[in-house]
Amino acid sequence: MTILYFLLLLSIIICIHEAGHLMAAKLFGVYCYEYSFGMGPVIFQKKGKETIYSIRALPVGGFVSMAGEPDGDEAYPDVVVPKGRRLTEVARWKRIIIMLAGVTMNFLLALFLFSMIFLSQGVYAESPKAIVESVVANSPAERAGFKAGDVIKEVSLDDGTSFKPETFMDMTLFFLEYEGGTENYVVDRNGETIHLKVVPEYNEEQQRYMIGIVGGESTVTKVNILNCWKYGIMEMWSITKLMITTILRLFRGKGLEQLSGPVGIYNAAGEYASMGIIPFLFLIAQLSLNVGIFNLLPLPVLDGGQVVITLAEGLIGHPINQNIKLVLMGACWVLLIGLMIFVTWNDIVRLFG
């Protein structure tokens, strides 16, 4: 069953992403050779009016092959493409929309699922603001000098990572995988800026590092079909901030040991599905949002990188040399494959450790 849950999760996220590219391409008249879920050998194929729809053996990716892309033109050299229907022949703004359509669909899927989850629950518990309600006696926070009423403006770690929390949930997510070490806080105390250093202590009951500050009560609001979208957006924004902070840490070489890949997603799929349909849908929404954000990175093999290249070509007034593009894309593929091997090793070590 875990295998089925894993395949279902990947299928939904990948198919939605690639469907976004396909719909946008067809909207602007770009000829599409193939829409494929999965990579590797074809196990099912059906020809539409002009596009081939495929399912391939390895459900770890997908693609839309368009006329005007080198890979697509090389794979279908015998197809006669009508004039003006290649990706390179449409306006740049249309190309950018096509490139961003997959990411947009991932965001819309996440918004829809988050909103429907909150609607089904009937209530939304809004996390309290990042204001200290009370300080636990004899805790690291008390020893560091925290006071009730302190407004937490910024948190930074020894590795240089900094974060500006808006709510206590932001801090909970930020420290979810944190292994301990000095935490630096900037707080507002009655209009005065105070700098505090605290070393968290491991709490056996909670099984995580804590410093001993308590937030206020969550605000519980009834959810209906009109306001569920607002809370869906709020949830997306909270996760997005965490994702951006994590990516910035990775670029500094920090937090690599916390990354997870296909094996980790496989385990999570089984675990979340065992808790019920709502947790499983929540996982799909989180991963869809993460896939969308990741694809916006300015790497040539990702959607964000293709947008950057298109904008750069518009600025210089001519296409970038194809050999340069191939070198950049090759280097990025090596980087991503290396990253995939690394995170898979991380997952295996955690699995058997």
Foldseek 3Di string as FASTA:
>chain_A
DLVVLLLVLLCVLQVLLQVQLVVLLVVQQWQWAEWEAADDAWPDWDDDPRYIYTYGDGRPHIHIQTAQDPVNCVVCVPDDDDPQRGLVNDDLVSNLSSLLRSLVSLLVLLLVLQLVLLQVVQKDFAAAFQFFQQFDPPFQCVVQPDGHGWHWQKKAFPLGQMDGGGGVVLVCLLQVPPDWHKMWTWTQDPNDTDITITTFDADPVVRGTDGGTDDDGTDMDGHHPVCSSVVSVVVLVSLVRSLVSVVVCVVSVPPLLVAAASLVSSVVSVVQVVVHDSSNSNSSSSVSSNVSVVLLPCQLVGSVVVSVQSVVCVVVVHHDDPVVSVVSNVVVVVVVVVSNVSNHVSSVVVVVD
